[in-house]
Amino acid sequence: MIKLSIIYNKDKEDAIKIYKELLKYLKSKKKFEILDDKKLSQAEYMVVIGGDGTLLRSFKNIKNKEIKIIAINSGTLGYLTEIRKDKYKGIFENILKGKINIEERHFLTIGVGKKTYNALNEIFLTKDSIKRNIISSEIYVNDKFLGKFKGDGVIIATPTGSTAYSLSAGGPIITPELKLFLITPIAPHNLNTRPIILSGDVKIVLTISKPSEVGFINIDGNTHHKIKVEDKVEICYSTETLKIVIPEARNYYDVLREKLKWGENLC
């Protein structure tokens, strides 16, 4: 029996409908064992039904990084949840045949004090209040001073996250198989402060410059943590990867054009 865990967005009617249809389909095959959330670490596959936000929230709970993610899109964009709701049966048929395509995504490990987090998309620092004009932060790379950032904040993204918040802030798109850091300032006070790409083999330390300032870090849009001038946010790449099942004959550049309309004339 192939062991599966299923997570779906319980607030979305489409996700609930797909979940019910999927359960019926899997039971008819008599080859799959559906595990409850308490046995997630024993699963070979985790099925995520929803949008990209559902996948990012589910990612926080994955302890066994060898588990393979089957992400079925019931949302709108579905940049990470690539499998269409009318195509998911083909994925499970291929699993039964031993034919699956896996794409590995690099993710970040983040240390703040005694707490550790993982980020698939990004971590970003922002000011603690809209009343505050700007926040000043400093970034160190392998203990060497990179620079000071003044503005609304700064984003440190993975290639996977390069098409998320960083893209909206003016950062470039990076293909997801690469292991790189993308640092993108948010509304920088100095126009000479532009996005920069660093090797994924370095360690980044992010701090606040001024004792009078308080900031918030946000991790994949889910986890929030207040930081002060004495706090150090340490960021590096995990030695593990997230394994995502992708559709047969899938081409990343097709996804880029289809989902983000890259290169199209929108006028």
C-alpha atoms as a PDB file:
ATOM      1  CA  MET A   1       0.000   0.000   0.000  1.00  0.00           C
ATOM      2  CA  ILE A   2       1.165   3.498  -0.844  1.00  0.00           C
ATOM      3  CA  LYS A   3       0.803   5.767   2.194  1.00  0.00           C
ATOM      4  CA  LEU A   4      -0.705   9.215   1.640  1.00  0.00           C
ATOM      5  CA  SER A   5      -1.600  12.203   3.762  1.00  0.00           C
ATOM      6  CA  ILE A   6      -4.103  14.743   2.441  1.00  0.00           C
ATOM      7  CA  ILE A   7      -4.320  18.426   3.381  1.00  0.00           C
ATOM      8  CA  TYR A   8      -6.912  20.685   1.793  1.00  0.00           C
ATOM      9  CA  ASN A   9      -8.214  24.219   2.176  1.00  0.00           C
ATOM     10  CA  LYS A  10     -11.370  23.754   4.239  1.00  0.00           C
ATOM     11  CA  ASP A  11     -12.495  27.314   3.495  1.00  0.00           C
ATOM     12  CA  LYS A  12     -12.733  26.785  -0.273  1.00  0.00           C
ATOM     13  CA  GLU A  13     -15.659  24.930  -1.856  1.00  0.00           C
ATOM     14  CA  ASP A  14     -13.588  23.813  -4.846  1.00  0.00           C
ATOM     15  CA  ALA A  15     -10.922  22.320  -2.570  1.00  0.00           C
ATOM     16  CA  ILE A  16     -13.542  20.469  -0.515  1.00  0.00           C
ATOM     17  CA  LYS A  17     -15.125  19.097  -3.695  1.00  0.00           C
ATOM     18  CA  ILE A  18     -11.783  17.901  -5.068  1.00  0.00           C
ATOM     19  CA  TYR A  19     -10.939  16.319  -1.700  1.00  0.00           C
ATOM     20  CA  LYS A  20     -14.156  14.280  -1.693  1.00  0.00           C
ATOM     21  CA  GLU A  21     -13.676  13.198  -5.314  1.00  0.00           C
ATOM     22  CA  LEU A  22     -10.051  12.271  -4.638  1.00  0.00           C
ATOM     23  CA  LEU A  23     -10.962  10.144  -1.605  1.00  0.00           C
ATOM     24  CA  LYS A  24     -13.507   8.229  -3.669  1.00  0.00           C
ATOM     25  CA  TYR A  25     -10.983   7.718  -6.483  1.00  0.00           C
ATOM     26  CA  LEU A  26      -8.173   6.540  -4.180  1.00  0.00           C
ATOM     27  CA  LYS A  27     -10.442   4.089  -2.359  1.00  0.00           C
ATOM     28  CA  SER A  28     -11.531   2.610  -5.686  1.00  0.00           C
ATOM     29  CA  LYS A  29      -7.899   1.820  -6.534  1.00  0.00           C
ATOM     30  CA  LYS A  30      -7.368  -0.141  -3.289  1.00  0.00           C
ATOM     31  CA  LYS A  31      -3.647   0.637  -3.477  1.00  0.00           C
ATOM     32  CA  PHE A  32      -3.478   3.708  -1.261  1.00  0.00           C
ATOM     33  CA  GLU A  33      -3.613   4.071   2.517  1.00  0.00           C
ATOM     34  CA  ILE A  34      -4.823   7.459   3.767  1.00  0.00           C
ATOM     35  CA  LEU A  35      -3.046   8.514   6.969  1.00  0.00           C
ATOM     36  CA  ASP A  36      -4.300  11.061   9.473  1.00  0.00           C
ATOM     37  CA  ASP A  37      -2.283  14.163  10.387  1.00  0.00           C
ATOM     38  CA  LYS A  38      -0.677  12.465  13.399  1.00  0.00           C
ATOM     39  CA  LYS A  39       1.025   9.953  11.085  1.00  0.00           C
ATOM     40  CA  LEU A  40       2.259  12.494   8.530  1.00  0.00           C
ATOM     41  CA  SER A  41       5.893  11.488   9.109  1.00  0.00           C
ATOM     42  CA  GLN A  42       5.076   7.957   7.877  1.00  0.00           C
ATOM     43  CA  ALA A  43       3.592   9.101   4.561  1.00  0.00           C
ATOM     44  CA  GLU A  44       5.367   8.656   1.233  1.00  0.00           C
ATOM     45  CA  TYR A  45       3.270  11.389  -0.364  1.00  0.00           C
ATOM     46  CA  MET A  46       1.456  14.446   0.926  1.00  0.00           C
ATOM     47  CA  VAL A  47      -1.408  15.667  -1.226  1.00  0.00           C
ATOM     48  CA  VAL A  48      -2.108  19.394  -0.907  1.00  0.00           C
ATOM     49  CA  ILE A  49      -5.382  20.699  -2.363  1.00  0.00           C
ATOM     50  CA  GLY A  50      -5.760  24.464  -2.587  1.00  0.00           C
ATOM     51  CA  GLY A  51      -3.639  27.356  -3.758  1.00  0.00           C
ATOM     52  CA  ASP A  52      -0.030  28.345  -3.190  1.00  0.00           C
ATOM     53  CA  GLY A  53      -0.919  29.641   0.281  1.00  0.00           C
ATOM     54  CA  THR A  54      -2.186  26.203   1.292  1.00  0.00           C
ATOM     55  CA  LEU A  55       1.087  24.647   0.161  1.00  0.00           C
ATOM     56  CA  LEU A  56       3.174  27.195   2.070  1.00  0.00           C
ATOM     57  CA  ARG A  57       1.165  26.643   5.259  1.00  0.00           C
ATOM     58  CA  SER A  58       1.499  22.864   4.864  1.00  0.00           C
ATOM     59  CA  PHE A  59       5.251  23.166   4.301  1.00  0.00           C
ATOM     60  CA  LYS A  60       5.667  24.397   7.896  1.00  0.00           C
ATOM     61  CA  ASN A  61       4.399  21.076   9.245  1.00  0.00           C
ATOM     62  CA  ILE A  62       6.580  18.758   7.171  1.00  0.00           C
ATOM     63  CA  LYS A  63       9.171  17.068   9.367  1.00  0.00           C
ATOM     64  CA  ASN A  64      10.067  14.274   6.945  1.00  0.00           C
ATOM     65  CA  LYS A  65      11.656  16.097   4.017  1.00  0.00           C
ATOM     66  CA  GLU A  66      11.768  12.859   1.991  1.00  0.00           C
ATOM     67  CA  ILE A  67       8.004  13.047   1.594  1.00  0.00           C
ATOM     68  CA  LYS A  68       6.858  13.896  -1.945  1.00  0.00           C
ATOM     69  CA  ILE A  69       4.324  16.679  -2.433  1.00  0.00           C
ATOM     70  CA  ILE A  70       1.409  16.334  -4.857  1.00  0.00           C
ATOM     71  CA  ALA A  71       0.009  19.874  -5.136  1.00  0.00           C
ATOM     72  CA  ILE A  72      -3.438  20.082  -6.759  1.00  0.00           C
ATOM     73  CA  ASN A  73      -4.591  23.585  -7.633  1.00  0.00           C
ATOM     74  CA  SER A  74      -8.084  24.676  -6.641  1.00  0.00           C
ATOM     75  CA  GLY A  75      -7.162  28.341  -6.402  1.00  0.00           C
ATOM     76  CA  THR A  76      -6.609  31.021  -9.019  1.00  0.00           C
ATOM     77  CA  LEU A  77      -2.930  31.394  -9.896  1.00  0.00           C
ATOM     78  CA  GLY A  78      -1.482  28.104  -8.670  1.00  0.00           C
ATOM     79  CA  TYR A  79       2.151  28.853  -9.440  1.00  0.00           C
ATOM     80  CA  LEU A  80       3.425  26.213  -6.993  1.00  0.00           C
ATOM     81  CA  THR A  81       0.285  24.075  -7.054  1.00  0.00           C
ATOM     82  CA  GLU A  82       0.682  23.177 -10.706  1.00  0.00           C
ATOM     83  CA  ILE A  83      -1.483  20.066 -11.034  1.00  0.00           C
ATOM     84  CA  ARG A  84      -4.858  20.927 -12.528  1.00  0.00           C
ATOM     85  CA  LYS A  85      -7.968  19.518 -10.877  1.00  0.00           C
ATOM     86  CA  ASP A  86      -8.940  17.712 -14.087  1.00  0.00           C
ATOM     87  CA  LYS A  87      -5.479  16.118 -14.438  1.00  0.00           C
ATOM     88  CA  TYR A  88      -4.651  14.741 -10.979  1.00  0.00           C
ATOM     89  CA  LYS A  89      -5.799  11.174 -11.725  1.00  0.00           C
ATOM     90  CA  GLY A  90      -2.986  10.819 -14.242  1.00  0.00           C
ATOM     91  CA  ILE A  91      -0.471  11.601 -11.495  1.00  0.00           C
ATOM     92  CA  PHE A  92      -1.745   8.751  -9.310  1.00  0.00           C
ATOM     93  CA  GLU A  93      -1.875   6.366 -12.267  1.00  0.00           C
ATOM     94  CA  ASN A  94       1.794   7.136 -12.899  1.00  0.00           C
ATOM     95  CA  ILE A  95       2.604   6.578  -9.216  1.00  0.00           C
ATOM     96  CA  LEU A  96       1.099   3.096  -9.466  1.00  0.00           C
ATOM     97  CA  LYS A  97       3.265   2.470 -12.535  1.00  0.00           C
ATOM     98  CA  GLY A  98       6.365   3.781 -10.743  1.00  0.00           C
ATOM     99  CA  LYS A  99       6.622   6.706 -13.160  1.00  0.00           C
ATOM    100  CA  ILE A 100       6.847  10.052 -11.399  1.00  0.00           C
ATOM    101  CA  ASN A 101       8.638  13.294 -12.145  1.00  0.00           C
ATOM    102  CA  ILE A 102      10.135  15.057  -9.124  1.00  0.00           C
ATOM    103  CA  GLU A 103      11.408  18.625  -8.917  1.00  0.00           C
ATOM    104  CA  GLU A 104      13.498  19.518  -5.875  1.00  0.00           C
ATOM    105  CA  ARG A 105      13.169  22.998  -4.413  1.00  0.00           C
ATOM    106  CA  HIS A 106      15.790  24.511  -2.102  1.00  0.00           C
ATOM    107  CA  PHE A 107      14.530  26.239   1.034  1.00  0.00           C
ATOM    108  CA  LEU A 108      15.927  28.455   3.785  1.00  0.00           C
ATOM    109  CA  THR A 109      16.668  27.730   7.426  1.00  0.00           C
ATOM    110  CA  ILE A 110      16.228  30.800   9.627  1.00  0.00           C
ATOM    111  CA  GLY A 111      17.446  31.249  13.188  1.00  0.00           C
ATOM    112  CA  VAL A 112      16.109  33.963  15.489  1.00  0.00           C
ATOM    113  CA  GLY A 113      17.362  33.550  19.044  1.00  0.00           C
ATOM    114  CA  LYS A 114      16.483  30.013  20.106  1.00  0.00           C
ATOM    115  CA  LYS A 115      13.825  29.568  17.426  1.00  0.00           C
ATOM    116  CA  THR A 116      14.336  28.003  13.994  1.00  0.00           C
ATOM    117  CA  TYR A 117      12.074  28.326  10.960  1.00  0.00           C
ATOM    118  CA  ASN A 118      12.048  27.154   7.343  1.00  0.00           C
ATOM    119  CA  ALA A 119      11.067  29.296   4.349  1.00  0.00           C
ATOM    120  CA  LEU A 120      10.292  28.066   0.853  1.00  0.00           C
ATOM    121  CA  ASN A 121       9.589  31.503  -0.628  1.00  0.00           C
ATOM    122  CA  GLU A 122      11.121  34.243   1.471  1.00  0.00           C
ATOM    123  CA  ILE A 123      11.736  36.010   4.717  1.00  0.00           C
ATOM    124  CA  PHE A 124      11.188  39.748   4.829  1.00  0.00           C
ATOM    125  CA  LEU A 125      11.735  42.482   7.382  1.00  0.00           C
ATOM    126  CA  THR A 126       9.302  45.381   7.677  1.00  0.00           C
ATOM    127  CA  LYS A 127       8.754  48.292  10.032  1.00  0.00           C
ATOM    128  CA  ASP A 128       6.493  47.670  13.013  1.00  0.00           C
ATOM    129  CA  SER A 129       3.997  50.427  12.255  1.00  0.00           C
ATOM    130  CA  ILE A 130       2.659  52.407   9.313  1.00  0.00           C
ATOM    131  CA  LYS A 131       3.306  55.497  11.454  1.00  0.00           C
ATOM    132  CA  ARG A 132       7.051  54.872  11.228  1.00  0.00           C
ATOM    133  CA  ASN A 133       8.638  56.484   8.160  1.00  0.00           C
ATOM    134  CA  ILE A 134      11.384  53.937   7.427  1.00  0.00           C
ATOM    135  CA  ILE A 135      13.313  51.099   9.003  1.00  0.00           C
ATOM    136  CA  SER A 136      17.103  50.791   8.846  1.00  0.00           C
ATOM    137  CA  SER A 137      18.603  47.317   8.564  1.00  0.00           C
ATOM    138  CA  GLU A 138      22.066  45.889   7.959  1.00  0.00           C
ATOM    139  CA  ILE A 139      23.063  42.720   6.139  1.00  0.00           C
ATOM    140  CA  TYR A 140      26.248  40.725   6.672  1.00  0.00           C
ATOM    141  CA  VAL A 141      27.421  37.948   4.345  1.00  0.00           C
ATOM    142  CA  ASN A 142      29.781  35.407   5.929  1.00  0.00           C
ATOM    143  CA  ASP A 143      30.490  38.009   8.643  1.00  0.00           C
ATOM    144  CA  LYS A 144      31.379  40.667   6.046  1.00  0.00           C
ATOM    145  CA  PHE A 145      29.289  43.839   5.915  1.00  0.00           C
ATOM    146  CA  LEU A 146      27.214  43.998   2.724  1.00  0.00           C
ATOM    147  CA  GLY A 147      25.327  47.210   3.317  1.00  0.00           C
ATOM    148  CA  LYS A 148      22.634  49.195   5.070  1.00  0.00           C
ATOM    149  CA  PHE A 149      19.074  49.243   3.785  1.00  0.00           C
ATOM    150  CA  LYS A 150      16.756  52.162   4.556  1.00  0.00           C
ATOM    151  CA  GLY A 151      13.143  51.991   3.448  1.00  0.00           C
ATOM    152  CA  ASP A 152       9.994  49.983   4.119  1.00  0.00           C
ATOM    153  CA  GLY A 153      12.042  46.817   4.587  1.00  0.00           C
ATOM    154  CA  VAL A 154      14.003  44.134   2.771  1.00  0.00           C
ATOM    155  CA  ILE A 155      13.173  40.724   1.274  1.00  0.00           C
ATOM    156  CA  ILE A 156      15.520  37.742   1.220  1.00  0.00           C
ATOM    157  CA  ALA A 157      14.059  35.245  -1.229  1.00  0.00           C
ATOM    158  CA  THR A 158      14.811  31.877  -2.778  1.00  0.00           C
ATOM    159  CA  PRO A 159      14.489  31.325  -6.537  1.00  0.00           C
ATOM    160  CA  THR A 160      11.084  29.778  -5.774  1.00  0.00           C
ATOM    161  CA  GLY A 161      10.143  33.002  -3.985  1.00  0.00           C
ATOM    162  CA  SER A 162      11.501  35.211  -6.758  1.00  0.00           C
ATOM    163  CA  THR A 163       8.038  35.156  -8.362  1.00  0.00           C
ATOM    164  CA  ALA A 164       6.273  36.121  -5.114  1.00  0.00           C
ATOM    165  CA  TYR A 165       6.685  39.298  -3.006  1.00  0.00           C
ATOM    166  CA  SER A 166      10.151  40.007  -4.393  1.00  0.00           C
ATOM    167  CA  LEU A 167       8.768  40.229  -7.928  1.00  0.00           C
ATOM    168  CA  SER A 168       6.201  42.805  -6.805  1.00  0.00           C
ATOM    169  CA  ALA A 169       9.035  44.807  -5.208  1.00  0.00           C
ATOM    170  CA  GLY A 170      10.989  44.901  -8.482  1.00  0.00           C
ATOM    171  CA  GLY A 171      13.187  41.811  -8.139  1.00  0.00           C
ATOM    172  CA  PRO A 172      14.108  39.516 -11.051  1.00  0.00           C
ATOM    173  CA  ILE A 173      12.741  36.047 -11.815  1.00  0.00           C
ATOM    174  CA  ILE A 174      15.187  33.199 -11.077  1.00  0.00           C
ATOM    175  CA  THR A 175      14.630  29.646 -12.312  1.00  0.00           C
ATOM    176  CA  PRO A 176      13.812  27.394  -9.336  1.00  0.00           C
ATOM    177  CA  GLU A 177      16.516  24.743  -9.766  1.00  0.00           C
ATOM    178  CA  LEU A 178      19.205  27.248  -8.756  1.00  0.00           C
ATOM    179  CA  LYS A 179      20.426  27.687  -5.188  1.00  0.00           C
ATOM    180  CA  LEU A 180      20.791  31.448  -4.743  1.00  0.00           C
ATOM    181  CA  PHE A 181      19.815  34.272  -2.403  1.00  0.00           C
ATOM    182  CA  LEU A 182      17.854  37.172  -3.849  1.00  0.00           C
ATOM    183  CA  ILE A 183      17.943  40.322  -1.704  1.00  0.00           C
ATOM    184  CA  THR A 184      15.303  42.859  -2.738  1.00  0.00           C
ATOM    185  CA  PRO A 185      14.812  46.185  -0.912  1.00  0.00           C
ATOM    186  CA  ILE A 186      11.207  47.275  -0.298  1.00  0.00           C
ATOM    187  CA  ALA A 187      10.660  50.903  -1.356  1.00  0.00           C
ATOM    188  CA  PRO A 188      14.304  51.876  -0.628  1.00  0.00           C
ATOM    189  CA  HIS A 189      15.027  55.412   0.557  1.00  0.00           C
ATOM    190  CA  ASN A 190      18.151  55.423  -1.645  1.00  0.00           C
ATOM    191  CA  LEU A 191      17.515  54.632  -5.313  1.00  0.00           C
ATOM    192  CA  ASN A 192      21.050  53.218  -5.623  1.00  0.00           C
ATOM    193  CA  THR A 193      19.996  50.315  -3.409  1.00  0.00           C
ATOM    194  CA  ARG A 194      18.978  47.709  -5.985  1.00  0.00           C
ATOM    195  CA  PRO A 195      18.265  43.956  -5.798  1.00  0.00           C
ATOM    196  CA  ILE A 196      21.349  41.746  -5.539  1.00  0.00           C
ATOM    197  CA  ILE A 197      21.851  37.999  -6.078  1.00  0.00           C
ATOM    198  CA  LEU A 198      24.253  36.031  -3.860  1.00  0.00           C
ATOM    199  CA  SER A 199      25.581  32.490  -3.828  1.00  0.00           C
ATOM    200  CA  GLY A 200      23.434  30.036  -1.908  1.00  0.00           C
ATOM    201  CA  ASP A 201      26.506  28.762  -0.053  1.00  0.00           C
ATOM    202  CA  VAL A 202      26.872  31.824   2.180  1.00  0.00           C
ATOM    203  CA  LYS A 203      25.323  32.671   5.553  1.00  0.00           C
ATOM    204  CA  ILE A 204      23.385  35.917   5.818  1.00  0.00           C
ATOM    205  CA  VAL A 205      22.821  37.850   9.033  1.00  0.00           C
ATOM    206  CA  LEU A 206      20.104  40.503   9.122  1.00  0.00           C
ATOM    207  CA  THR A 207      19.928  43.092  11.911  1.00  0.00           C
ATOM    208  CA  ILE A 208      18.189  46.362  12.743  1.00  0.00           C
ATOM    209  CA  SER A 209      20.505  49.374  12.829  1.00  0.00           C
ATOM    210  CA  LYS A 210      18.902  51.742  15.329  1.00  0.00           C
ATOM    211  CA  PRO A 211      18.000  51.034  18.991  1.00  0.00           C
ATOM    212  CA  SER A 212      14.870  53.166  18.617  1.00  0.00           C
ATOM    213  CA  GLU A 213      13.461  50.934  15.873  1.00  0.00           C
ATOM    214  CA  VAL A 214      11.460  47.713  16.090  1.00  0.00           C
ATOM    215  CA  GLY A 215      10.837  45.435  13.133  1.00  0.00           C
ATOM    216  CA  PHE A 216       8.831  42.388  12.173  1.00  0.00           C
ATOM    217  CA  ILE A 217      10.049  39.461  10.141  1.00  0.00           C
ATOM    218  CA  ASN A 218       7.541  37.529   8.103  1.00  0.00           C
ATOM    219  CA  ILE A 219       8.305  34.004   6.888  1.00  0.00           C
ATOM    220  CA  ASP A 220       6.368  32.730   3.856  1.00  0.00           C
ATOM    221  CA  GLY A 221       3.462  34.969   4.832  1.00  0.00           C
ATOM    222  CA  ASN A 222       2.611  32.772   7.821  1.00  0.00           C
ATOM    223  CA  THR A 223       5.040  33.258  10.710  1.00  0.00           C
ATOM    224  CA  HIS A 224       5.629  36.648  12.332  1.00  0.00           C
ATOM    225  CA  HIS A 225       8.409  37.498  14.768  1.00  0.00           C
ATOM    226  CA  LYS A 226       9.215  40.853  16.382  1.00  0.00           C
ATOM    227  CA  ILE A 227      12.906  41.806  16.402  1.00  0.00           C
ATOM    228  CA  LYS A 228      14.896  44.576  18.085  1.00  0.00           C
ATOM    229  CA  VAL A 229      18.373  46.000  17.591  1.00  0.00           C
ATOM    230  CA  GLU A 230      20.034  43.292  19.710  1.00  0.00           C
ATOM    231  CA  ASP A 231      18.500  40.451  17.669  1.00  0.00           C
ATOM    232  CA  LYS A 232      20.309  38.675  14.851  1.00  0.00           C
ATOM    233  CA  VAL A 233      18.394  36.880  12.113  1.00  0.00           C
ATOM    234  CA  GLU A 234      20.644  34.161  10.669  1.00  0.00           C
ATOM    235  CA  ILE A 235      19.716  32.797   7.254  1.00  0.00           C
ATOM    236  CA  CYS A 236      21.248  29.950   5.272  1.00  0.00           C
ATOM    237  CA  TYR A 237      20.113  27.165   2.981  1.00  0.00           C
ATOM    238  CA  SER A 238      18.960  23.853   4.380  1.00  0.00           C
ATOM    239  CA  THR A 239      20.872  20.751   3.306  1.00  0.00           C
ATOM    240  CA  GLU A 240      17.473  19.203   2.517  1.00  0.00           C
ATOM    241  CA  THR A 241      15.108  19.949  -0.353  1.00  0.00           C
ATOM    242  CA  LEU A 242      11.357  19.941  -0.839  1.00  0.00           C
ATOM    243  CA  LYS A 243      10.328  17.296  -3.369  1.00  0.00           C
ATOM    244  CA  ILE A 244       7.376  18.259  -5.552  1.00  0.00           C
ATOM    245  CA  VAL A 245       5.695  15.918  -8.032  1.00  0.00           C
ATOM    246  CA  ILE A 246       5.298  17.740 -11.342  1.00  0.00           C
ATOM    247  CA  PRO A 247       3.086  16.912 -14.342  1.00  0.00           C
ATOM    248  CA  GLU A 248       4.445  14.801 -17.165  1.00  0.00           C
ATOM    249  CA  ALA A 249       6.201  16.751 -19.931  1.00  0.00           C
ATOM    250  CA  ARG A 250       5.937  19.901 -17.827  1.00  0.00           C
ATOM    251  CA  ASN A 251       8.172  22.779 -18.898  1.00  0.00           C
ATOM    252  CA  TYR A 252       9.002  25.570 -16.420  1.00  0.00           C
ATOM    253  CA  TYR A 253       9.047  28.187 -19.163  1.00  0.00           C
ATOM    254  CA  ASP A 254       5.540  27.167 -20.220  1.00  0.00           C
ATOM    255  CA  VAL A 255       4.433  27.672 -16.603  1.00  0.00           C
ATOM    256  CA  LEU A 256       6.096  31.093 -16.551  1.00  0.00           C
ATOM    257  CA  ARG A 257       4.205  32.201 -19.646  1.00  0.00           C
ATOM    258  CA  GLU A 258       0.901  30.598 -18.666  1.00  0.00           C
ATOM    259  CA  LYS A 259       0.758  31.705 -15.031  1.00  0.00           C
ATOM    260  CA  LEU A 260       2.641  35.024 -15.047  1.00  0.00           C
ATOM    261  CA  LYS A 261       2.057  35.966 -18.704  1.00  0.00           C
ATOM    262  CA  TRP A 262       5.808  36.534 -18.968  1.00  0.00           C
ATOM    263  CA  GLY A 263       6.845  38.204 -22.230  1.00  0.00           C
ATOM    264  CA  GLU A 264       3.273  38.806 -23.365  1.00  0.00           C
ATOM    265  CA  ASN A 265       1.972  42.110 -24.629  1.00  0.00           C
ATOM    266  CA  LEU A 266      -0.736  43.012 -22.119  1.00  0.00           C
ATOM    267  CA  CYS A 267      -1.937  46.095 -23.984  1.00  0.00           C
END
